[in-house]
Amino acid sequence: MLNKVKIEMDIYEKLRTVFDPEIPVNIVELGLIYSVTINDDGYVNLSMTLTAPACPVAGEIIREVDEKIREVEGVKDANVMLTFDPPWNRDMMSEEAKLELGFL
């Protein structure tokens, strides 16, 4: 039986190594990850957004997220879904990210 809690924690740990090249904060702290669901067979669905719909590195970020998820032990497959509903805004950032970017 899969330990979904551990897998989800490991996924978030891996995603903390993914950065938007224009912003020195990882995508988790930026609030770009909306949801992670893991089924009993190890299939992961991740819903995320970007800071802007016209992000020039969108494809690279999504590819990197997909690769990082697949590196996690227990993950059999991954589906990364990009959404802009709700649209990202600064309030979605962690306090750490706001401090790093000078918004506090």
PDB file of N, CA and C in Angstrom:
ATOM      1  N   MET A   1       0.838  -1.188   0.000  1.00  0.00           N
ATOM      2  CA  MET A   1       0.000   0.000   0.000  1.00  0.00           C
ATOM      3  C   MET A   1       0.883   1.253   0.000  1.00  0.00           C
ATOM      4  N   LEU A   2       0.513   2.202  -0.835  1.00  0.00           N
ATOM      5  CA  LEU A   2       1.283   3.430  -0.951  1.00  0.00           C
ATOM      6  C   LEU A   2       1.080   4.333   0.258  1.00  0.00           C
ATOM      7  N   ASN A   3       2.164   4.988   0.649  1.00  0.00           N
ATOM      8  CA  ASN A   3       2.071   6.014   1.675  1.00  0.00           C
ATOM      9  C   ASN A   3       1.906   7.349   0.949  1.00  0.00           C
ATOM     10  N   LYS A   4       0.646   7.720   0.682  1.00  0.00           N
ATOM     11  CA  LYS A   4       0.358   8.916  -0.100  1.00  0.00           C
ATOM     12  C   LYS A   4       0.859  10.189   0.568  1.00  0.00           C
ATOM     13  N   VAL A   5       0.821  10.223   1.888  1.00  0.00           N
ATOM     14  CA  VAL A   5       1.293  11.413   2.607  1.00  0.00           C
ATOM     15  C   VAL A   5       2.784  11.608   2.358  1.00  0.00           C
ATOM     16  N   LYS A   6       3.551  10.523   2.448  1.00  0.00           N
ATOM     17  CA  LYS A   6       4.997  10.624   2.203  1.00  0.00           C
ATOM     18  C   LYS A   6       5.277  11.014   0.759  1.00  0.00           C
ATOM     19  N   ILE A   7       4.549  10.403  -0.174  1.00  0.00           N
ATOM     20  CA  ILE A   7       4.751  10.729  -1.586  1.00  0.00           C
ATOM     21  C   ILE A   7       4.454  12.204  -1.832  1.00  0.00           C
ATOM     22  N   GLU A   8       3.360  12.708  -1.261  1.00  0.00           N
ATOM     23  CA  GLU A   8       3.027  14.118  -1.450  1.00  0.00           C
ATOM     24  C   GLU A   8       4.098  15.021  -0.835  1.00  0.00           C
ATOM     25  N   MET A   9       4.583  14.674   0.346  1.00  0.00           N
ATOM     26  CA  MET A   9       5.651  15.460   0.973  1.00  0.00           C
ATOM     27  C   MET A   9       6.908  15.443   0.103  1.00  0.00           C
ATOM     28  N   ASP A  10       7.238  14.280  -0.446  1.00  0.00           N
ATOM     29  CA  ASP A  10       8.412  14.156  -1.315  1.00  0.00           C
ATOM     30  C   ASP A  10       8.237  14.962  -2.601  1.00  0.00           C
ATOM     31  N   ILE A  11       7.026  14.973  -3.130  1.00  0.00           N
ATOM     32  CA  ILE A  11       6.754  15.767  -4.336  1.00  0.00           C
ATOM     33  C   ILE A  11       6.989  17.249  -4.042  1.00  0.00           C
ATOM     34  N   TYR A  12       6.431  17.737  -2.950  1.00  0.00           N
ATOM     35  CA  TYR A  12       6.625  19.150  -2.606  1.00  0.00           C
ATOM     36  C   TYR A  12       8.103  19.463  -2.364  1.00  0.00           C
ATOM     37  N   GLU A  13       8.823  18.538  -1.760  1.00  0.00           N
ATOM     38  CA  GLU A  13      10.261  18.748  -1.549  1.00  0.00           C
ATOM     39  C   GLU A  13      10.980  18.893  -2.889  1.00  0.00           C
ATOM     40  N   LYS A  14      10.665  18.021  -3.834  1.00  0.00           N
ATOM     41  CA  LYS A  14      11.277  18.099  -5.176  1.00  0.00           C
ATOM     42  C   LYS A  14      10.891  19.401  -5.875  1.00  0.00           C
ATOM     43  N   LEU A  15       9.617  19.798  -5.745  1.00  0.00           N
ATOM     44  CA  LEU A  15       9.157  21.003  -6.433  1.00  0.00           C
ATOM     45  C   LEU A  15       9.768  22.266  -5.863  1.00  0.00           C
ATOM     46  N   ARG A  16      10.267  22.197  -4.646  1.00  0.00           N
ATOM     47  CA  ARG A  16      10.957  23.361  -4.071  1.00  0.00           C
ATOM     48  C   ARG A  16      12.310  23.606  -4.751  1.00  0.00           C
ATOM     49  N   THR A  17      12.705  22.731  -5.673  1.00  0.00           N
ATOM     50  CA  THR A  17      13.945  22.938  -6.427  1.00  0.00           C
ATOM     51  C   THR A  17      13.662  23.515  -7.806  1.00  0.00           C
ATOM     52  N   VAL A  18      12.383  23.793  -8.111  1.00  0.00           N
ATOM     53  CA  VAL A  18      11.996  24.352  -9.413  1.00  0.00           C
ATOM     54  C   VAL A  18      11.764  25.849  -9.245  1.00  0.00           C
ATOM     55  N   PHE A  19      12.440  26.623 -10.075  1.00  0.00           N
ATOM     56  CA  PHE A  19      12.368  28.083  -9.991  1.00  0.00           C
ATOM     57  C   PHE A  19      11.944  28.663 -11.327  1.00  0.00           C
ATOM     58  N   ASP A  20      11.168  29.725 -11.257  1.00  0.00           N
ATOM     59  CA  ASP A  20      10.929  30.553 -12.433  1.00  0.00           C
ATOM     60  C   ASP A  20      12.252  31.288 -12.648  1.00  0.00           C
ATOM     61  N   PRO A  21      12.858  31.200 -13.841  1.00  0.00           N
ATOM     62  CA  PRO A  21      14.170  31.828 -14.056  1.00  0.00           C
ATOM     63  C   PRO A  21      14.217  33.330 -13.783  1.00  0.00           C
ATOM     64  N   GLU A  22      13.068  33.993 -13.837  1.00  0.00           N
ATOM     65  CA  GLU A  22      13.041  35.435 -13.630  1.00  0.00           C
ATOM     66  C   GLU A  22      12.793  35.830 -12.179  1.00  0.00           C
ATOM     67  N   ILE A  23      12.443  34.847 -11.326  1.00  0.00           N
ATOM     68  CA  ILE A  23      12.104  35.142  -9.929  1.00  0.00           C
ATOM     69  C   ILE A  23      12.922  34.208  -9.032  1.00  0.00           C
ATOM     70  N   PRO A  24      13.667  34.725  -8.069  1.00  0.00           N
ATOM     71  CA  PRO A  24      14.549  33.881  -7.249  1.00  0.00           C
ATOM     72  C   PRO A  24      13.834  33.142  -6.105  1.00  0.00           C
ATOM     73  N   VAL A  25      12.627  32.646  -6.371  1.00  0.00           N
ATOM     74  CA  VAL A  25      11.846  31.929  -5.368  1.00  0.00           C
ATOM     75  C   VAL A  25      11.267  30.686  -6.040  1.00  0.00           C
ATOM     76  N   ASN A  26      11.219  29.566  -5.305  1.00  0.00           N
ATOM     77  CA  ASN A  26      10.712  28.340  -5.917  1.00  0.00           C
ATOM     78  C   ASN A  26       9.200  28.401  -6.137  1.00  0.00           C
ATOM     79  N   ILE A  27       8.706  27.523  -7.008  1.00  0.00           N
ATOM     80  CA  ILE A  27       7.303  27.577  -7.415  1.00  0.00           C
ATOM     81  C   ILE A  27       6.331  27.220  -6.293  1.00  0.00           C
ATOM     82  N   VAL A  28       6.778  26.461  -5.299  1.00  0.00           N
ATOM     83  CA  VAL A  28       5.911  26.136  -4.161  1.00  0.00           C
ATOM     84  C   VAL A  28       5.689  27.394  -3.326  1.00  0.00           C
ATOM     85  N   GLU A  29       6.767  28.085  -2.988  1.00  0.00           N
ATOM     86  CA  GLU A  29       6.662  29.298  -2.173  1.00  0.00           C
ATOM     87  C   GLU A  29       5.957  30.421  -2.932  1.00  0.00           C
ATOM     88  N   LEU A  30       6.040  30.405  -4.260  1.00  0.00           N
ATOM     89  CA  LEU A  30       5.324  31.400  -5.056  1.00  0.00           C
ATOM     90  C   LEU A  30       3.817  31.146  -5.064  1.00  0.00           C
ATOM     91  N   GLY A  31       3.404  29.955  -4.649  1.00  0.00           N
ATOM     92  CA  GLY A  31       1.981  29.620  -4.637  1.00  0.00           C
ATOM     93  C   GLY A  31       1.462  29.136  -5.973  1.00  0.00           C
ATOM     94  N   LEU A  32       2.360  28.614  -6.806  1.00  0.00           N
ATOM     95  CA  LEU A  32       1.953  28.169  -8.137  1.00  0.00           C
ATOM     96  C   LEU A  32       1.352  26.770  -8.158  1.00  0.00           C
ATOM     97  N   ILE A  33       1.532  25.993  -7.098  1.00  0.00           N
ATOM     98  CA  ILE A  33       0.966  24.646  -7.034  1.00  0.00           C
ATOM     99  C   ILE A  33      -0.399  24.733  -6.367  1.00  0.00           C
ATOM    100  N   TYR A  34      -1.432  24.368  -7.093  1.00  0.00           N
ATOM    101  CA  TYR A  34      -2.797  24.444  -6.561  1.00  0.00           C
ATOM    102  C   TYR A  34      -3.215  23.145  -5.883  1.00  0.00           C
ATOM    103  N   SER A  35      -2.880  22.000  -6.468  1.00  0.00           N
ATOM    104  CA  SER A  35      -3.278  20.739  -5.837  1.00  0.00           C
ATOM    105  C   SER A  35      -2.418  19.586  -6.330  1.00  0.00           C
ATOM    106  N   VAL A  36      -2.270  18.596  -5.445  1.00  0.00           N
ATOM    107  CA  VAL A  36      -1.587  17.344  -5.776  1.00  0.00           C
ATOM    108  C   VAL A  36      -2.491  16.225  -5.295  1.00  0.00           C
ATOM    109  N   THR A  37      -2.876  15.336  -6.197  1.00  0.00           N
ATOM    110  CA  THR A  37      -3.659  14.168  -5.797  1.00  0.00           C
ATOM    111  C   THR A  37      -2.940  12.921  -6.277  1.00  0.00           C
ATOM    112  N   ILE A  38      -2.974  11.904  -5.449  1.00  0.00           N
ATOM    113  CA  ILE A  38      -2.277  10.650  -5.734  1.00  0.00           C
ATOM    114  C   ILE A  38      -3.294   9.526  -5.573  1.00  0.00           C
ATOM    115  N   ASN A  39      -3.445   8.699  -6.609  1.00  0.00           N
ATOM    116  CA  ASN A  39      -4.385   7.597  -6.447  1.00  0.00           C
ATOM    117  C   ASN A  39      -3.667   6.379  -5.875  1.00  0.00           C
ATOM    118  N   ASP A  40      -4.398   5.315  -5.606  1.00  0.00           N
ATOM    119  CA  ASP A  40      -3.834   4.127  -4.957  1.00  0.00           C
ATOM    120  C   ASP A  40      -2.786   3.410  -5.796  1.00  0.00           C
ATOM    121  N   ASP A  41      -2.746   3.688  -7.094  1.00  0.00           N
ATOM    122  CA  ASP A  41      -1.779   3.043  -7.976  1.00  0.00           C
ATOM    123  C   ASP A  41      -0.518   3.882  -8.204  1.00  0.00           C
ATOM    124  N   GLY A  42      -0.424   5.043  -7.565  1.00  0.00           N
ATOM    125  CA  GLY A  42       0.762   5.876  -7.711  1.00  0.00           C
ATOM    126  C   GLY A  42       0.708   6.863  -8.857  1.00  0.00           C
ATOM    127  N   TYR A  43      -0.493   7.119  -9.353  1.00  0.00           N
ATOM    128  CA  TYR A  43      -0.657   8.103 -10.408  1.00  0.00           C
ATOM    129  C   TYR A  43      -0.932   9.466  -9.781  1.00  0.00           C
ATOM    130  N   VAL A  44      -0.178  10.457 -10.210  1.00  0.00           N
ATOM    131  CA  VAL A  44      -0.244  11.792  -9.621  1.00  0.00           C
ATOM    132  C   VAL A  44      -0.872  12.768 -10.607  1.00  0.00           C
ATOM    133  N   ASN A  45      -1.829  13.519 -10.118  1.00  0.00           N
ATOM    134  CA  ASN A  45      -2.388  14.649 -10.866  1.00  0.00           C
ATOM    135  C   ASN A  45      -2.006  15.906 -10.104  1.00  0.00           C
ATOM    136  N   LEU A  46      -1.365  16.814 -10.810  1.00  0.00           N
ATOM    137  CA  LEU A  46      -0.951  18.071 -10.202  1.00  0.00           C
ATOM    138  C   LEU A  46      -1.564  19.213 -10.993  1.00  0.00           C
ATOM    139  N   SER A  47      -2.165  20.138 -10.283  1.00  0.00           N
ATOM    140  CA  SER A  47      -2.734  21.329 -10.898  1.00  0.00           C
ATOM    141  C   SER A  47      -1.876  22.513 -10.479  1.00  0.00           C
ATOM    142  N   MET A  48      -1.472  23.306 -11.453  1.00  0.00           N
ATOM    143  CA  MET A  48      -0.606  24.443 -11.159  1.00  0.00           C
ATOM    144  C   MET A  48      -0.932  25.604 -12.072  1.00  0.00           C
ATOM    145  N   THR A  49      -0.360  26.736 -11.754  1.00  0.00           N
ATOM    146  CA  THR A  49      -0.511  27.923 -12.580  1.00  0.00           C
ATOM    147  C   THR A  49       0.867  28.535 -12.801  1.00  0.00           C
ATOM    148  N   LEU A  50       0.886  29.647 -13.464  1.00  0.00           N
ATOM    149  CA  LEU A  50       2.107  30.423 -13.676  1.00  0.00           C
ATOM    150  C   LEU A  50       1.826  31.849 -13.221  1.00  0.00           C
ATOM    151  N   THR A  51       2.875  32.626 -13.030  1.00  0.00           N
ATOM    152  CA  THR A  51       2.670  33.998 -12.573  1.00  0.00           C
ATOM    153  C   THR A  51       1.988  34.851 -13.641  1.00  0.00           C
ATOM    154  N   ALA A  52       2.121  34.444 -14.913  1.00  0.00           N
ATOM    155  CA  ALA A  52       1.474  35.166 -16.010  1.00  0.00           C
ATOM    156  C   ALA A  52       1.179  34.194 -17.150  1.00  0.00           C
ATOM    157  N   PRO A  53       0.026  34.323 -17.800  1.00  0.00           N
ATOM    158  CA  PRO A  53      -0.310  33.421 -18.898  1.00  0.00           C
ATOM    159  C   PRO A  53       0.703  33.447 -20.040  1.00  0.00           C
ATOM    160  N   ALA A  54       1.349  34.577 -20.256  1.00  0.00           N
ATOM    161  CA  ALA A  54       2.307  34.693 -21.357  1.00  0.00           C
ATOM    162  C   ALA A  54       3.736  34.393 -20.928  1.00  0.00           C
ATOM    163  N   CYS A  55       3.905  33.654 -19.851  1.00  0.00           N
ATOM    164  CA  CYS A  55       5.242  33.322 -19.336  1.00  0.00           C
ATOM    165  C   CYS A  55       6.083  32.689 -20.442  1.00  0.00           C
ATOM    166  N   PRO A  56       7.229  33.283 -20.777  1.00  0.00           N
ATOM    167  CA  PRO A  56       8.042  32.774 -21.885  1.00  0.00           C
ATOM    168  C   PRO A  56       8.696  31.416 -21.609  1.00  0.00           C
ATOM    169  N   VAL A  57       8.780  31.012 -20.355  1.00  0.00           N
ATOM    170  CA  VAL A  57       9.410  29.727 -20.037  1.00  0.00           C
ATOM    171  C   VAL A  57       8.386  28.702 -19.520  1.00  0.00           C
ATOM    172  N   ALA A  58       7.124  28.908 -19.843  1.00  0.00           N
ATOM    173  CA  ALA A  58       6.055  28.033 -19.359  1.00  0.00           C
ATOM    174  C   ALA A  58       6.343  26.565 -19.674  1.00  0.00           C
ATOM    175  N   GLY A  59       6.698  26.273 -20.902  1.00  0.00           N
ATOM    176  CA  GLY A  59       6.961  24.895 -21.305  1.00  0.00           C
ATOM    177  C   GLY A  59       8.084  24.260 -20.511  1.00  0.00           C
ATOM    178  N   GLU A  60       9.125  25.019 -20.267  1.00  0.00           N
ATOM    179  CA  GLU A  60      10.270  24.505 -19.503  1.00  0.00           C
ATOM    180  C   GLU A  60       9.877  24.214 -18.058  1.00  0.00           C
ATOM    181  N   ILE A  61       9.122  25.105 -17.450  1.00  0.00           N
ATOM    182  CA  ILE A  61       8.719  24.917 -16.053  1.00  0.00           C
ATOM    183  C   ILE A  61       7.823  23.684 -15.932  1.00  0.00           C
ATOM    184  N   ILE A  62       6.848  23.552 -16.811  1.00  0.00           N
ATOM    185  CA  ILE A  62       5.937  22.407 -16.764  1.00  0.00           C
ATOM    186  C   ILE A  62       6.697  21.103 -16.976  1.00  0.00           C
ATOM    187  N   ARG A  63       7.627  21.093 -17.923  1.00  0.00           N
ATOM    188  CA  ARG A  63       8.442  19.900 -18.168  1.00  0.00           C
ATOM    189  C   ARG A  63       9.262  19.545 -16.934  1.00  0.00           C
ATOM    190  N   GLU A  64       9.869  20.542 -16.298  1.00  0.00           N
ATOM    191  CA  GLU A  64      10.673  20.293 -15.108  1.00  0.00           C
ATOM    192  C   GLU A  64       9.808  19.771 -13.957  1.00  0.00           C
ATOM    193  N   VAL A  65       8.617  20.333 -13.787  1.00  0.00           N
ATOM    194  CA  VAL A  65       7.696  19.857 -12.754  1.00  0.00           C
ATOM    195  C   VAL A  65       7.358  18.392 -13.000  1.00  0.00           C
ATOM    196  N   ASP A  66       7.030  18.047 -14.232  1.00  0.00           N
ATOM    197  CA  ASP A  66       6.706  16.673 -14.586  1.00  0.00           C
ATOM    198  C   ASP A  66       7.876  15.738 -14.276  1.00  0.00           C
ATOM    199  N   GLU A  67       9.076  16.137 -14.653  1.00  0.00           N
ATOM    200  CA  GLU A  67      10.263  15.312 -14.391  1.00  0.00           C
ATOM    201  C   GLU A  67      10.495  15.128 -12.896  1.00  0.00           C
ATOM    202  N   LYS A  68      10.368  16.195 -12.123  1.00  0.00           N
ATOM    203  CA  LYS A  68      10.598  16.118 -10.669  1.00  0.00           C
ATOM    204  C   LYS A  68       9.594  15.184 -10.001  1.00  0.00           C
ATOM    205  N   ILE A  69       8.326  15.263 -10.406  1.00  0.00           N
ATOM    206  CA  ILE A  69       7.309  14.379  -9.831  1.00  0.00           C
ATOM    207  C   ILE A  69       7.662  12.924 -10.107  1.00  0.00           C
ATOM    208  N   ARG A  70       8.059  12.630 -11.331  1.00  0.00           N
ATOM    209  CA  ARG A  70       8.364  11.253 -11.729  1.00  0.00           C
ATOM    210  C   ARG A  70       9.591  10.683 -11.015  1.00  0.00           C
ATOM    211  N   GLU A  71      10.439  11.546 -10.463  1.00  0.00           N
ATOM    212  CA  GLU A  71      11.618  11.092  -9.710  1.00  0.00           C
ATOM    213  C   GLU A  71      11.257  10.565  -8.324  1.00  0.00           C
ATOM    214  N   VAL A  72      10.083  10.892  -7.837  1.00  0.00           N
ATOM    215  CA  VAL A  72       9.685  10.531  -6.472  1.00  0.00           C
ATOM    216  C   VAL A  72       9.352   9.048  -6.396  1.00  0.00           C
ATOM    217  N   GLU A  73       9.922   8.389  -5.401  1.00  0.00           N
ATOM    218  CA  GLU A  73       9.664   6.972  -5.199  1.00  0.00           C
ATOM    219  C   GLU A  73       8.182   6.737  -4.925  1.00  0.00           C
ATOM    220  N   GLY A  74       7.598   5.776  -5.633  1.00  0.00           N
ATOM    221  CA  GLY A  74       6.183   5.451  -5.487  1.00  0.00           C
ATOM    222  C   GLY A  74       5.313   6.045  -6.573  1.00  0.00           C
ATOM    223  N   VAL A  75       5.836   7.017  -7.319  1.00  0.00           N
ATOM    224  CA  VAL A  75       5.075   7.629  -8.406  1.00  0.00           C
ATOM    225  C   VAL A  75       5.224   6.759  -9.654  1.00  0.00           C
ATOM    226  N   LYS A  76       4.095   6.364 -10.203  1.00  0.00           N
ATOM    227  CA  LYS A  76       4.092   5.536 -11.415  1.00  0.00           C
ATOM    228  C   LYS A  76       3.942   6.374 -12.675  1.00  0.00           C
ATOM    229  N   ASP A  77       3.171   7.455 -12.582  1.00  0.00           N
ATOM    230  CA  ASP A  77       2.925   8.316 -13.728  1.00  0.00           C
ATOM    231  C   ASP A  77       2.475   9.670 -13.199  1.00  0.00           C
ATOM    232  N   ALA A  78       2.583  10.685 -14.046  1.00  0.00           N
ATOM    233  CA  ALA A  78       2.211  12.025 -13.607  1.00  0.00           C
ATOM    234  C   ALA A  78       1.471  12.757 -14.717  1.00  0.00           C
ATOM    235  N   ASN A  79       0.544  13.585 -14.303  1.00  0.00           N
ATOM    236  CA  ASN A  79      -0.201  14.441 -15.210  1.00  0.00           C
ATOM    237  C   ASN A  79      -0.164  15.848 -14.619  1.00  0.00           C
ATOM    238  N   VAL A  80       0.511  16.754 -15.307  1.00  0.00           N
ATOM    239  CA  VAL A  80       0.613  18.141 -14.852  1.00  0.00           C
ATOM    240  C   VAL A  80      -0.389  18.969 -15.646  1.00  0.00           C
ATOM    241  N   MET A  81      -1.324  19.550 -14.933  1.00  0.00           N
ATOM    242  CA  MET A  81      -2.370  20.352 -15.579  1.00  0.00           C
ATOM    243  C   MET A  81      -2.134  21.825 -15.273  1.00  0.00           C
ATOM    244  N   LEU A  82      -2.098  22.628 -16.303  1.00  0.00           N
ATOM    245  CA  LEU A  82      -1.904  24.067 -16.161  1.00  0.00           C
ATOM    246  C   LEU A  82      -3.269  24.747 -16.180  1.00  0.00           C
ATOM    247  N   THR A  83      -3.487  25.639 -15.222  1.00  0.00           N
ATOM    248  CA  THR A  83      -4.742  26.372 -15.157  1.00  0.00           C
ATOM    249  C   THR A  83      -4.463  27.825 -14.800  1.00  0.00           C
ATOM    250  N   PHE A  84      -5.370  28.669 -15.191  1.00  0.00           N
ATOM    251  CA  PHE A  84      -5.281  30.075 -14.797  1.00  0.00           C
ATOM    252  C   PHE A  84      -6.545  30.492 -14.049  1.00  0.00           C
ATOM    253  N   ASP A  85      -7.214  29.482 -13.482  1.00  0.00           N
ATOM    254  CA  ASP A  85      -8.432  29.712 -12.712  1.00  0.00           C
ATOM    255  C   ASP A  85      -8.290  29.068 -11.351  1.00  0.00           C
ATOM    256  N   PRO A  86      -8.078  29.795 -10.293  1.00  0.00           N
ATOM    257  CA  PRO A  86      -8.065  31.251 -10.251  1.00  0.00           C
ATOM    258  C   PRO A  86      -6.723  31.796 -10.739  1.00  0.00           C
ATOM    259  N   PRO A  87      -6.738  33.025 -11.224  1.00  0.00           N
ATOM    260  CA  PRO A  87      -5.480  33.629 -11.648  1.00  0.00           C
ATOM    261  C   PRO A  87      -4.545  33.823 -10.451  1.00  0.00           C
ATOM    262  N   TRP A  88      -3.260  33.641 -10.694  1.00  0.00           N
ATOM    263  CA  TRP A  88      -2.265  33.824  -9.637  1.00  0.00           C
ATOM    264  C   TRP A  88      -2.210  35.304  -9.250  1.00  0.00           C
ATOM    265  N   ASN A  89      -1.970  35.540  -7.951  1.00  0.00           N
ATOM    266  CA  ASN A  89      -1.708  36.901  -7.483  1.00  0.00           C
ATOM    267  C   ASN A  89      -0.735  36.819  -6.309  1.00  0.00           C
ATOM    268  N   ARG A  90      -0.198  37.937  -5.917  1.00  0.00           N
ATOM    269  CA  ARG A  90       0.835  37.978  -4.869  1.00  0.00           C
ATOM    270  C   ARG A  90       0.377  37.411  -3.538  1.00  0.00           C
ATOM    271  N   ASP A  91      -0.906  37.445  -3.271  1.00  0.00           N
ATOM    272  CA  ASP A  91      -1.426  36.919  -2.006  1.00  0.00           C
ATOM    273  C   ASP A  91      -1.225  35.406  -1.879  1.00  0.00           C
ATOM    274  N   MET A  92      -0.975  34.732  -2.988  1.00  0.00           N
ATOM    275  CA  MET A  92      -0.781  33.276  -2.976  1.00  0.00           C
ATOM    276  C   MET A  92       0.624  32.882  -2.523  1.00  0.00           C
ATOM    277  N   MET A  93       1.523  33.841  -2.464  1.00  0.00           N
ATOM    278  CA  MET A  93       2.900  33.558  -2.060  1.00  0.00           C
ATOM    279  C   MET A  93       2.981  33.323  -0.556  1.00  0.00           C
ATOM    280  N   SER A  94       3.950  32.501  -0.164  1.00  0.00           N
ATOM    281  CA  SER A  94       4.214  32.302   1.259  1.00  0.00           C
ATOM    282  C   SER A  94       4.835  33.580   1.826  1.00  0.00           C
ATOM    283  N   GLU A  95       4.811  33.678   3.149  1.00  0.00           N
ATOM    284  CA  GLU A  95       5.446  34.821   3.805  1.00  0.00           C
ATOM    285  C   GLU A  95       6.939  34.872   3.453  1.00  0.00           C
ATOM    286  N   GLU A  96       7.558  33.688   3.371  1.00  0.00           N
ATOM    287  CA  GLU A  96       8.978  33.600   3.014  1.00  0.00           C
ATOM    288  C   GLU A  96       9.227  34.209   1.631  1.00  0.00           C
ATOM    289  N   ALA A  97       8.372  33.870   0.670  1.00  0.00           N
ATOM    290  CA  ALA A  97       8.535  34.399  -0.689  1.00  0.00           C
ATOM    291  C   ALA A  97       8.334  35.909  -0.710  1.00  0.00           C
ATOM    292  N   LYS A  98       7.321  36.387   0.003  1.00  0.00           N
ATOM    293  CA  LYS A  98       7.072  37.832   0.053  1.00  0.00           C
ATOM    294  C   LYS A  98       8.259  38.568   0.661  1.00  0.00           C
ATOM    295  N   LEU A  99       8.848  37.998   1.694  1.00  0.00           N
ATOM    296  CA  LEU A  99      10.013  38.604   2.326  1.00  0.00           C
ATOM    297  C   LEU A  99      11.195  38.617   1.358  1.00  0.00           C
ATOM    298  N   GLU A 100      11.431  37.484   0.697  1.00  0.00           N
ATOM    299  CA  GLU A 100      12.546  37.361  -0.268  1.00  0.00           C
ATOM    300  C   GLU A 100      12.413  38.385  -1.407  1.00  0.00           C
ATOM    301  N   LEU A 101      11.198  38.623  -1.834  1.00  0.00           N
ATOM    302  CA  LEU A 101      10.984  39.524  -2.962  1.00  0.00           C
ATOM    303  C   LEU A 101      10.731  40.977  -2.541  1.00  0.00           C
ATOM    304  N   GLY A 102      10.780  41.232  -1.221  1.00  0.00           N
ATOM    305  CA  GLY A 102      10.645  42.599  -0.730  1.00  0.00           C
ATOM    306  C   GLY A 102       9.219  43.119  -0.681  1.00  0.00           C
ATOM    307  N   PHE A 103       8.245  42.200  -0.569  1.00  0.00           N
ATOM    308  CA  PHE A 103       6.843  42.620  -0.502  1.00  0.00           C
ATOM    309  C   PHE A 103       6.366  42.777   0.926  1.00  0.00           C
ATOM    310  N   LEU A 104       7.222  42.539   1.915  1.00  0.00           N
ATOM    311  CA  LEU A 104       6.852  42.709   3.323  1.00  0.00           C
ATOM    312  C   LEU A 104       7.649  43.839   3.928  1.00  0.00           C
TER     313      LEU A 104
END
